[in-house]
């Protein structure tokens, strides 16, 4: 059964349709989208990271203040700027019973660096070699100092997987992943549910209080809300701002609202295949005009009740790498029209904007469509299911792509993959050698002031090239049953299951 229902009335019957009883030992989590392939080397979706948080432990994790804390690692030490020694937790097993050790770490990081289609290669390409010092110690030898590397090991690059199961599954590993987390993969029905079962051999069992976790992708925000209100969901990872009052009025529910590392923007295809051969893809003046035609505060007010903040850069104001002088330009239709005239393009400038099928994203696309029309653009909206839109983006089957980025604790993770030539999330294949050099240079510095200086130079160039029209920084807005306790909100937005439990 497809979990995309038509309205609230249909949603109210969802509890009866689910094959899971309203059991205190089952936690049901509503997702805004269906994850892509559940392979931490190859996967790229934000909601996939939420599922990994229940299924796959990492070498390190983040606490609520974004401090890096041990998980499968017990500690680390830089022997010098290019040699990182990591000590590992003993007595840990993967879901297939195989032991976790230094050889498993070497296997996973090598896979991330070398596997065809790896989405992690650019994140950890500072690693030159991986040395097994002893069964529970590994040394990473770096090509050069790499300030973002440890933060990358708090995300998918740091997820550990069973070498035995991975080799046996080959290309099909993502269909039945085997990790070392508190819950093991049990079942997936595409666009319907992902079921995890408690792993009895987990190294820290007392931190978890459920026997089963069910993730239910529900792209329609109204349907997600209706299911939460009806009690057939226990938690939804994202409540849209326009639904917040409904949750706050419900005595059975509560909200958790926190700052986010994320942004949403429109990536322009400037070099990824024939679809890049458009006026907006080939002319920076047209891209500048497109941004000038958008009233970002008004868009946010219409779609998100003004809760989010307009932005013109990849990092939120809370980031130490936020550049205060990089601000969104005020809407200026006359200036946008002048830029189009200077560019010498035929009016109206046709642009196809790909947008996912969530109602608020569709509404945002429609607002952009209406605003840019006044400046001389003719925007067509192409609606796609989320995972399909990602595949289209990788393949260059788009002109402009309205897509969010969930954010990383280190600023490099919000910029290098999207702007560096060959970056794993550089959907539009933007390429500027000077930008590449600055992104690489910033990775070498550990001094925040030096990194900020580099990023300041970078944004002077990127704001002229406009390969990505940044729109807003969202908030993390989680809705849940009032009797669900122990939730810890981390700015990366992931739903960590440690400590979650129902009270009577």
Protein backbone atom coordinates (compact mmCIF):
# COMPACT_ATOMS: atom_id res chain seq x y z
CA UNK A 1 0.00 0.00 0.00
CA UNK A 2 1.40 3.38 -0.93
CA UNK A 3 1.64 5.72 2.07
CA UNK A 4 0.66 8.85 0.13
CA UNK A 5 -2.96 9.39 1.08
CA UNK A 6 -5.33 11.95 -0.35
CA UNK A 7 -6.40 13.79 2.75
CA UNK A 8 -6.90 13.90 6.49
CA UNK A 9 -10.03 11.77 6.45
CA UNK A 10 -8.17 8.93 4.79
CA UNK A 11 -5.28 9.40 7.20
CA UNK A 12 -7.50 8.85 10.22
CA UNK A 13 -8.01 5.25 9.17
CA UNK A 14 -4.28 4.60 8.84
CA UNK A 15 -3.92 3.10 12.31
CA UNK A 16 -6.32 0.32 11.42
CA UNK A 17 -4.53 -0.32 8.13
CA UNK A 18 -1.07 -0.67 9.67
CA UNK A 19 0.09 -4.17 10.60
CA UNK A 20 1.53 -2.79 13.86
CA UNK A 21 -0.56 -2.57 17.00
CA UNK A 22 -0.57 0.52 19.20
CA UNK A 23 2.08 -1.16 21.33
CA UNK A 24 4.36 0.71 23.71
CA UNK A 25 7.22 -1.42 22.40
CA UNK A 26 6.86 -0.07 18.85
CA UNK A 27 7.88 3.45 17.87
CA UNK A 28 6.33 4.81 14.66
CA UNK A 29 8.09 7.75 13.00
CA UNK A 30 6.66 9.75 10.10
CA UNK A 31 9.17 10.90 7.46
CA UNK A 32 8.65 13.69 4.96
CA UNK A 33 10.05 11.56 2.12
CA UNK A 34 10.99 8.00 1.25
CA UNK A 35 14.75 7.45 1.64
CA UNK A 36 16.92 6.46 -1.27
CA UNK A 37 19.18 3.38 -1.16
CA UNK A 38 20.03 2.42 2.45
CA UNK A 39 23.74 2.12 1.79
CA UNK A 40 25.84 4.66 3.73
CA UNK A 41 28.49 4.70 1.00
CA UNK A 42 26.06 5.29 -1.86
CA UNK A 43 23.07 6.98 -0.20
CA UNK A 44 22.42 10.69 -0.22
CA UNK A 45 19.00 11.49 1.29
CA UNK A 46 18.43 13.33 4.55
CA UNK A 47 15.63 11.00 5.64
CA UNK A 48 17.97 8.10 4.98
CA UNK A 49 20.27 9.58 7.62
CA UNK A 50 17.34 9.52 10.06
CA UNK A 51 16.90 5.79 9.47
CA UNK A 52 20.66 5.22 9.84
CA UNK A 53 20.47 6.94 13.25
CA UNK A 54 18.42 4.00 14.50
CA UNK A 55 20.21 1.27 12.58
CA UNK A 56 23.88 2.18 12.20
CA UNK A 57 26.32 3.39 14.82
CA UNK A 58 29.15 5.68 13.71
CA UNK A 59 32.70 6.16 14.89
CA UNK A 60 31.65 9.48 16.43
CA UNK A 61 28.42 11.36 17.02
CA UNK A 62 27.31 14.90 17.87
CA UNK A 63 25.74 16.06 21.11
CA UNK A 64 23.10 18.79 21.39
CA UNK A 65 25.83 21.47 21.34
CA UNK A 66 27.48 19.93 18.24
CA UNK A 67 30.44 18.65 20.21
CA UNK A 68 32.01 15.53 18.70
CA UNK A 69 31.59 12.60 21.09
CA UNK A 70 32.78 8.97 20.88
CA UNK A 71 30.41 6.25 19.69
CA UNK A 72 32.04 3.18 18.16
CA UNK A 73 35.34 4.94 18.73
CA UNK A 74 36.43 5.51 22.31
CA UNK A 75 38.76 8.38 21.51
CA UNK A 76 41.19 9.95 19.06
CA UNK A 77 44.55 11.67 19.06
CA UNK A 78 46.46 13.58 16.40
CA UNK A 79 50.02 12.29 16.51
CA UNK A 80 50.87 15.18 14.20
CA UNK A 81 48.73 17.20 11.73
CA UNK A 82 48.61 14.34 9.20
CA UNK A 83 48.35 11.27 11.45
CA UNK A 84 45.08 10.62 13.27
CA UNK A 85 44.98 7.72 15.74
CA UNK A 86 41.50 6.36 16.61
CA UNK A 87 40.86 3.85 19.39
CA UNK A 88 37.82 1.58 19.07
CA UNK A 89 35.20 0.14 21.37
CA UNK A 90 35.71 -3.54 22.15
CA UNK A 91 33.01 -6.20 22.34
CA UNK A 92 30.86 -4.71 19.56
CA UNK A 93 29.28 -6.93 16.91
CA UNK A 94 27.48 -6.25 13.66
CA UNK A 95 23.90 -7.44 13.17
CA UNK A 96 25.19 -10.63 11.53
CA UNK A 97 27.27 -11.43 14.62
CA UNK A 98 30.60 -10.52 13.00
CA UNK A 99 33.03 -8.56 15.20
CA UNK A 100 33.63 -4.84 14.85
CA UNK A 101 37.33 -4.04 14.85
CA UNK A 102 40.06 -2.03 13.13
CA UNK A 103 39.90 -4.20 10.02
CA UNK A 104 36.20 -3.34 9.67
CA UNK A 105 37.02 0.37 9.93
CA UNK A 106 39.68 0.03 7.24
CA UNK A 107 37.23 -1.88 5.04
CA UNK A 108 34.46 0.73 5.31
CA UNK A 109 36.66 3.77 4.77
CA UNK A 110 38.39 2.08 1.84
CA UNK A 111 34.97 1.31 0.35
CA UNK A 112 33.94 4.94 0.78
CA UNK A 113 37.08 6.09 -1.02
CA UNK A 114 37.04 3.59 -3.88
CA UNK A 115 33.55 2.20 -4.53
CA UNK A 116 31.94 3.12 -7.84
CA UNK A 117 29.34 5.80 -7.23
CA UNK A 118 30.53 6.53 -3.68
CA UNK A 119 28.96 9.67 -2.25
CA UNK A 120 31.52 9.74 0.55
CA UNK A 121 34.73 9.89 -1.49
CA UNK A 122 34.85 13.67 -1.61
CA UNK A 123 34.11 13.91 2.12
CA UNK A 124 37.14 11.88 3.23
CA UNK A 125 39.52 12.23 0.29
CA UNK A 126 42.10 13.77 2.60
CA UNK A 127 42.89 10.20 3.70
CA UNK A 128 45.99 8.83 1.99
CA UNK A 129 46.09 5.46 3.74
CA UNK A 130 44.48 3.53 6.59
CA UNK A 131 46.69 1.53 8.92
CA UNK A 132 45.56 -1.18 11.35
CA UNK A 133 47.77 -0.61 14.41
CA UNK A 134 46.19 -3.39 16.46
CA UNK A 135 42.72 -5.01 16.54
CA UNK A 136 41.19 -1.93 18.19
CA UNK A 137 43.35 0.93 16.94
CA UNK A 138 43.45 2.47 13.49
CA UNK A 139 45.67 5.21 12.11
CA UNK A 140 44.51 7.53 9.32
CA UNK A 141 47.39 8.96 7.32
CA UNK A 142 46.33 12.20 5.65
CA UNK A 143 47.59 13.85 2.48
CA UNK A 144 47.52 17.20 4.28
CA UNK A 145 45.95 18.58 7.46
CA UNK A 146 42.16 18.25 7.16
CA UNK A 147 40.11 20.22 9.67
CA UNK A 148 36.68 18.84 8.60
CA UNK A 149 37.62 15.14 8.68
CA UNK A 150 36.59 14.31 12.23
CA UNK A 151 33.19 15.93 11.67
CA UNK A 152 32.71 13.77 8.57
CA UNK A 153 33.16 10.70 10.76
CA UNK A 154 30.05 11.75 12.74
CA UNK A 155 27.97 11.15 9.62
CA UNK A 156 27.69 8.48 6.91
CA UNK A 157 31.44 8.22 6.37
CA UNK A 158 31.68 7.18 10.01
CA UNK A 159 28.93 4.54 9.80
CA UNK A 160 30.38 1.06 10.12
CA UNK A 161 29.03 -1.91 8.15
CA UNK A 162 29.77 -5.63 8.25
CA UNK A 163 32.52 -6.46 5.73
CA UNK A 164 31.28 -10.05 5.44
CA UNK A 165 27.67 -9.04 4.73
CA UNK A 166 28.75 -6.28 2.36
CA UNK A 167 30.91 -8.59 0.28
CA UNK A 168 28.18 -11.23 0.17
CA UNK A 169 25.50 -8.76 -0.93
CA UNK A 170 27.60 -6.88 -3.47
CA UNK A 171 25.56 -4.25 -5.29
CA UNK A 172 22.46 -5.27 -3.31
CA UNK A 173 23.80 -4.32 0.13
CA UNK A 174 21.50 -1.30 0.35
CA UNK A 175 18.46 -3.57 0.06
CA UNK A 176 19.33 -5.26 3.37
CA UNK A 177 22.02 -3.31 5.20
CA UNK A 178 23.96 -4.81 8.10
CA UNK A 179 25.35 -2.31 10.60
CA UNK A 180 26.30 -2.23 14.29
CA UNK A 181 23.47 -0.13 15.72
CA UNK A 182 20.74 -0.74 18.31
CA UNK A 183 18.16 -1.81 15.72
CA UNK A 184 18.65 -4.20 12.80
CA UNK A 185 17.04 -3.97 9.40
CA UNK A 186 13.93 -6.16 9.14
CA UNK A 187 11.84 -5.07 6.15
CA UNK A 188 11.33 -2.34 3.56
CA UNK A 189 8.28 -1.72 1.41
CA UNK A 190 9.21 1.16 -0.93
CA UNK A 191 7.24 4.35 -0.28
CA UNK A 192 5.34 2.58 2.49
CA UNK A 193 7.54 1.60 5.47
CA UNK A 194 10.93 0.60 6.80
CA UNK A 195 10.92 -1.72 9.80
CA UNK A 196 13.80 -2.18 12.25
CA UNK A 197 13.95 -4.75 15.04
CA UNK A 198 15.89 -4.47 18.26
CA UNK A 199 19.32 -6.13 18.01
CA UNK A 200 19.86 -8.30 21.11
CA UNK A 201 23.65 -8.15 20.83
CA UNK A 202 23.91 -4.34 20.94
CA UNK A 203 26.73 -3.00 23.12
CA UNK A 204 24.60 -0.41 24.99
CA UNK A 205 21.15 -1.99 25.36
CA UNK A 206 19.89 -0.02 28.37
CA UNK A 207 19.77 3.23 26.35
CA UNK A 208 16.95 1.92 24.12
CA UNK A 209 13.39 1.09 25.11
CA UNK A 210 11.62 -0.23 22.00
CA UNK A 211 11.52 -3.63 20.36
CA UNK A 212 10.64 -2.25 16.95
CA UNK A 213 10.90 1.02 15.05
CA UNK A 214 8.78 1.69 11.97
CA UNK A 215 9.57 4.60 9.62
CA UNK A 216 6.64 5.70 7.45
CA UNK A 217 7.29 8.05 4.50
CA UNK A 218 4.38 10.50 4.16
CA UNK A 219 5.22 13.39 1.80
CA UNK A 220 1.95 15.23 2.43
CA UNK A 221 2.40 17.36 5.56
CA UNK A 222 -1.34 17.50 6.28
CA UNK A 223 -1.54 13.71 6.21
CA UNK A 224 1.49 13.44 8.51
CA UNK A 225 -0.21 15.79 10.95
CA UNK A 226 -3.52 13.92 10.78
CA UNK A 227 -1.77 10.63 11.53
CA UNK A 228 0.03 12.17 14.49
CA UNK A 229 -3.23 13.58 15.81
CA UNK A 230 -4.97 10.23 15.30
CA UNK A 231 -2.27 8.41 17.28
CA UNK A 232 -1.08 6.21 14.41
CA UNK A 233 2.28 8.00 14.48
CA UNK A 234 4.27 8.61 17.63
CA UNK A 235 6.66 11.19 16.18
CA UNK A 236 7.02 13.12 12.95
CA UNK A 237 10.48 14.39 12.09
CA UNK A 238 9.14 17.54 10.44
CA UNK A 239 6.05 19.63 11.16
CA UNK A 240 5.59 22.50 8.70
CA UNK A 241 5.25 25.92 10.37
CA UNK A 242 1.66 26.30 9.20
CA UNK A 243 0.75 23.17 11.23
CA UNK A 244 2.48 24.20 14.43
CA UNK A 245 -0.60 25.76 16.04
CA UNK A 246 -2.61 22.59 15.46
CA UNK A 247 0.02 20.58 17.34
CA UNK A 248 0.28 23.13 20.13
CA UNK A 249 -3.51 23.11 20.61
CA UNK A 250 -3.66 19.33 20.91
CA UNK A 251 -3.26 18.25 24.57
CA UNK A 252 -1.94 14.85 23.45
CA UNK A 253 0.95 16.34 21.45
CA UNK A 254 4.01 18.54 21.84
CA UNK A 255 6.63 20.24 19.67
CA UNK A 256 10.39 20.45 19.82
CA UNK A 257 11.75 23.44 17.88
CA UNK A 258 15.44 24.12 17.37
CA UNK A 259 17.95 25.81 15.13
CA UNK A 260 19.07 23.92 12.06
CA UNK A 261 22.25 23.53 10.04
CA UNK A 262 20.20 23.27 6.85
CA UNK A 263 19.37 25.46 3.89
CA UNK A 264 17.04 25.25 0.91
CA UNK A 265 17.91 26.66 -2.48
CA UNK A 266 17.64 26.29 -6.22
CA UNK A 267 20.62 24.55 -7.82
CA UNK A 268 21.21 25.62 -11.42
CA UNK A 269 22.49 23.13 -13.98
CA UNK A 270 25.55 24.90 -15.37
CA UNK A 271 27.44 21.92 -16.79
CA UNK A 272 25.74 18.58 -16.29
CA UNK A 273 24.76 17.38 -19.74
CA UNK A 274 22.54 18.88 -22.47
CA UNK A 275 20.03 20.27 -19.95
CA UNK A 276 22.67 22.81 -18.92
CA UNK A 277 22.48 24.46 -22.34
CA UNK A 278 19.96 27.09 -21.28
CA UNK A 279 20.12 30.82 -20.75
CA UNK A 280 20.08 30.43 -16.99
CA UNK A 281 22.62 27.61 -17.11
CA UNK A 282 25.15 29.43 -19.26
CA UNK A 283 24.88 33.06 -18.18
CA UNK A 284 25.63 34.30 -14.67
CA UNK A 285 23.77 37.55 -15.36
CA UNK A 286 20.59 35.56 -15.91
CA UNK A 287 21.13 33.71 -12.65
CA UNK A 288 21.70 37.00 -10.82
CA UNK A 289 18.48 38.33 -12.33
CA UNK A 290 16.59 35.22 -11.25
CA UNK A 291 17.64 35.73 -7.63
CA UNK A 292 16.85 39.44 -7.73
CA UNK A 293 13.33 38.62 -8.90
CA UNK A 294 12.62 36.60 -5.72
CA UNK A 295 11.39 38.32 -2.58
CA UNK A 296 12.76 35.80 -0.09
CA UNK A 297 11.10 37.23 3.07
CA UNK A 298 7.73 37.34 1.30
CA UNK A 299 8.15 33.77 0.04
CA UNK A 300 8.97 32.60 3.57
CA UNK A 301 5.99 34.51 4.99
CA UNK A 302 3.58 32.93 2.52
CA UNK A 303 4.81 29.34 2.77
CA UNK A 304 6.32 29.12 6.27
CA UNK A 305 4.50 31.80 8.29
CA UNK A 306 7.72 33.83 8.34
CA UNK A 307 9.42 31.39 10.72
CA UNK A 308 12.51 30.71 8.60
CA UNK A 309 15.33 33.11 7.76
CA UNK A 310 16.30 34.24 4.25
CA UNK A 311 19.88 33.45 3.30
CA UNK A 312 22.42 33.94 0.55
CA UNK A 313 25.04 31.48 1.80
CA UNK A 314 25.38 27.86 2.81
CA UNK A 315 25.98 28.23 6.55
CA UNK A 316 23.48 29.50 9.14
CA UNK A 317 24.22 32.49 11.39
CA UNK A 318 25.07 30.10 14.24
CA UNK A 319 28.03 28.72 12.29
CA UNK A 320 31.50 30.12 13.07
CA UNK A 321 32.02 30.18 9.29
CA UNK A 322 28.99 32.41 8.64
CA UNK A 323 30.06 35.54 6.74
CA UNK A 324 27.87 38.44 7.98
CA UNK A 325 28.44 40.65 4.94
CA UNK A 326 26.99 38.02 2.61
CA UNK A 327 23.30 38.94 2.65
CA UNK A 328 20.35 38.26 0.36
CA UNK A 329 19.72 41.12 -2.06
CA UNK A 330 16.39 42.87 -1.73
CA UNK A 331 13.99 42.08 -4.52
CA UNK A 332 14.61 44.43 -7.44
CA UNK A 333 12.54 43.63 -10.52
CA UNK A 334 13.86 46.61 -12.47
CA UNK A 335 17.45 45.58 -11.84
CA UNK A 336 16.63 42.00 -12.80
CA UNK A 337 15.11 43.18 -16.07
CA UNK A 338 18.20 45.31 -16.75
CA UNK A 339 20.47 42.30 -16.19
CA UNK A 340 18.43 40.21 -18.62
CA UNK A 341 18.73 43.00 -21.18
CA UNK A 342 22.48 43.15 -20.57
CA UNK A 343 22.68 39.38 -21.04
CA UNK A 344 21.04 39.70 -24.44
CA UNK A 345 18.65 36.80 -23.91
CA UNK A 346 15.28 36.26 -25.55
CA UNK A 347 12.31 37.02 -23.31
CA UNK A 348 10.67 35.40 -21.58
CA UNK A 349 13.54 33.29 -20.28
CA UNK A 350 12.20 29.76 -19.96
CA UNK A 351 13.27 27.77 -16.89
CA UNK A 352 12.07 24.34 -15.78
CA UNK A 353 12.28 24.06 -11.98
CA UNK A 354 12.23 20.51 -10.60
CA UNK A 355 10.53 20.32 -7.19
CA UNK A 356 9.67 17.41 -4.94
CA UNK A 357 6.06 16.48 -4.28
CA UNK A 358 5.67 17.85 -0.74
CA UNK A 359 2.89 20.47 -0.68
CA UNK A 360 4.95 23.23 0.95
CA UNK A 361 7.79 22.78 -1.58
CA UNK A 362 5.24 22.87 -4.37
CA UNK A 363 3.85 26.09 -2.92
CA UNK A 364 7.34 27.58 -2.68
CA UNK A 365 7.96 26.70 -6.33
CA UNK A 366 4.70 28.37 -7.30
CA UNK A 367 5.66 31.55 -5.42
CA UNK A 368 9.03 31.59 -7.21
CA UNK A 369 7.18 31.04 -10.48
CA UNK A 370 4.92 34.04 -9.90
CA UNK A 371 7.66 36.37 -8.65
CA UNK A 372 10.16 35.67 -11.42
CA UNK A 373 7.49 36.10 -14.09
CA UNK A 374 7.39 39.83 -13.34
CA UNK A 375 11.09 40.10 -14.24
CA UNK A 376 10.83 38.24 -17.54
CA UNK A 377 11.07 34.55 -16.65
CA UNK A 378 8.69 31.79 -17.67
CA UNK A 379 9.03 29.07 -15.03
CA UNK A 380 7.56 25.61 -15.50
CA UNK A 381 7.38 23.40 -12.39
CA UNK A 382 8.31 19.74 -12.81
CA UNK A 383 7.08 17.70 -9.85
CA UNK A 384 8.90 14.51 -8.88
CA UNK A 385 8.99 12.05 -6.00
CA UNK A 386 12.04 12.78 -3.86
CA UNK A 387 14.31 9.79 -4.55
CA UNK A 388 13.51 10.02 -8.27
CA UNK A 389 14.38 13.70 -8.28
CA UNK A 390 17.79 12.90 -6.79
CA UNK A 391 18.51 10.40 -9.55
CA UNK A 392 17.43 12.94 -12.16
CA UNK A 393 19.75 15.51 -10.60
CA UNK A 394 22.77 13.20 -10.62
CA UNK A 395 22.04 12.35 -14.25
CA UNK A 396 21.75 15.99 -15.31
CA UNK A 397 18.05 15.69 -16.11
CA UNK A 398 17.14 19.14 -14.79
CA UNK A 399 17.58 22.83 -15.48
CA UNK A 400 16.99 24.11 -11.95
CA UNK A 401 16.38 22.00 -8.84
CA UNK A 402 14.58 23.25 -5.71
CA UNK A 403 16.18 21.09 -3.04
CA UNK A 404 17.14 21.30 0.62
CA UNK A 405 20.43 20.35 2.27
CA UNK A 406 20.21 19.06 5.81
CA UNK A 407 23.48 20.66 6.88
CA UNK A 408 26.71 19.52 8.52
CA UNK A 409 28.37 20.59 11.75
CA UNK A 410 31.52 21.66 9.89
CA UNK A 411 31.01 24.36 7.25
CA UNK A 412 33.03 22.41 4.69
CA UNK A 413 30.20 19.86 4.52
CA UNK A 414 27.79 22.59 3.41
CA UNK A 415 30.02 23.89 0.62
CA UNK A 416 32.73 21.58 -0.73
CA UNK A 417 30.37 18.81 -1.98
CA UNK A 418 28.13 21.34 -3.78
CA UNK A 419 30.65 23.77 -5.24
CA UNK A 420 33.87 21.85 -5.83
CA UNK A 421 34.40 20.42 -9.30
CA UNK A 422 33.42 16.79 -9.00
CA UNK A 423 31.77 17.31 -5.61
CA UNK A 424 29.36 14.51 -4.78
CA UNK A 425 26.36 16.86 -4.43
CA UNK A 426 27.38 19.28 -7.18
CA UNK A 427 24.30 18.35 -9.21
CA UNK A 428 24.78 21.15 -11.73
CA UNK A 429 28.51 20.43 -12.25
CA UNK A 430 29.49 23.98 -11.35
CA UNK A 431 33.21 24.38 -12.01
CA UNK A 432 35.46 27.30 -11.08
CA UNK A 433 39.17 26.56 -10.49
CA UNK A 434 39.57 29.50 -8.10
CA UNK A 435 36.63 28.30 -6.01
CA UNK A 436 38.11 24.78 -6.00
CA UNK A 437 41.42 26.12 -4.73
CA UNK A 438 39.77 28.15 -1.96
CA UNK A 439 37.63 25.22 -0.82
CA UNK A 440 40.73 23.02 -0.66
CA UNK A 441 42.74 25.70 1.14
CA UNK A 442 40.06 26.14 3.83
CA UNK A 443 40.26 22.44 4.69
CA UNK A 444 43.91 22.80 5.70
CA UNK A 445 43.38 25.45 8.39
CA UNK A 446 42.33 24.69 11.94
CA UNK A 447 42.38 28.38 12.92
CA UNK A 448 38.76 29.63 12.50
CA UNK A 449 39.90 33.14 11.58
CA UNK A 450 42.04 31.84 8.70
CA UNK A 451 39.19 29.66 7.44
CA UNK A 452 36.77 32.60 7.58
CA UNK A 453 39.17 34.72 5.55
CA UNK A 454 39.28 32.03 2.86
CA UNK A 455 35.50 31.65 2.82
CA UNK A 456 35.06 35.41 2.56
CA UNK A 457 37.10 35.37 -0.66
CA UNK A 458 35.12 32.36 -1.87
CA UNK A 459 31.72 34.02 -1.41
CA UNK A 460 32.83 37.10 -3.37
CA UNK A 461 33.19 34.79 -6.37
CA UNK A 462 30.23 32.51 -5.76
CA UNK A 463 27.84 35.43 -5.29
CA UNK A 464 28.77 36.56 -8.80
CA UNK A 465 28.56 33.09 -10.36
CA UNK A 466 25.30 32.12 -8.54
CA UNK A 467 25.45 28.37 -9.23
CA UNK A 468 22.91 27.98 -6.43
CA UNK A 469 20.22 30.47 -5.42
CA UNK A 470 20.10 30.16 -1.63
CA UNK A 471 16.60 30.85 -0.28
CA UNK A 472 16.18 30.12 3.43
CA UNK A 473 17.54 28.49 6.58
CA UNK A 474 14.77 26.37 8.14
CA UNK A 475 14.12 25.33 11.73
CA UNK A 476 13.98 21.77 13.03
CA UNK A 477 10.34 21.28 14.06
CA UNK A 478 9.57 17.86 15.49
CA UNK A 479 6.09 16.81 16.59
CA UNK A 480 5.44 13.93 18.97
CA UNK A 481 3.06 12.44 21.49
CA UNK A 482 3.18 14.24 24.80
CA UNK A 483 3.97 11.03 26.67
CA UNK A 484 7.07 10.37 24.57
CA UNK A 485 9.99 11.41 26.75
CA UNK A 486 13.75 11.59 26.44
CA UNK A 487 13.94 13.36 23.07
CA UNK A 488 17.21 15.24 22.55
CA UNK A 489 17.21 17.78 19.73
CA UNK A 490 20.48 18.11 17.82
CA UNK A 491 20.85 20.84 15.15
CA UNK A 492 21.58 18.27 12.44
CA UNK A 493 17.91 17.23 12.72
CA UNK A 494 18.49 13.49 13.05
CA UNK A 495 16.11 11.55 15.29
CA UNK A 496 18.32 9.78 17.80
CA UNK A 497 16.52 7.00 19.64
CA UNK A 498 18.69 6.88 22.77
CA UNK A 499 16.58 7.52 25.85
CA UNK A 500 13.24 7.73 24.03
CA UNK A 501 10.45 6.04 25.98
CA UNK A 502 6.74 6.31 26.66
CA UNK A 503 5.44 7.28 30.07
CA UNK A 504 2.12 5.96 31.31
